[in-house]
Amino acid sequence: MSDHHRITKRCPVCFSRDIDVLLTQRDGIWACVKCSFNGTEAEIRGMYRDIQKKYHGMIERYTLEDQRKL
């Protein structure tokens, strides 16, 4: 497969630490060379969802009154 069409994924462990490392795939398992993370695509997608939750409310501004209601 050409490099042009290759699927790339970022390591969710490193990405949550603001380090950008691409994963390598071998036999359906994705691995990080920096932190030794190993996982399937489903595990990686689940971790991506957790990372997205961290940034979910960044666009909205919450006033003190809004925070008290929570």
Foldseek 3Di string as FASTA:
>chain_A
DDPVPDDWDFQLVVVLVVHTFIWDDDPQWTATPPPGDIDHPVVRVVSVVVSVVVCVCVVDDADPVNVVVD
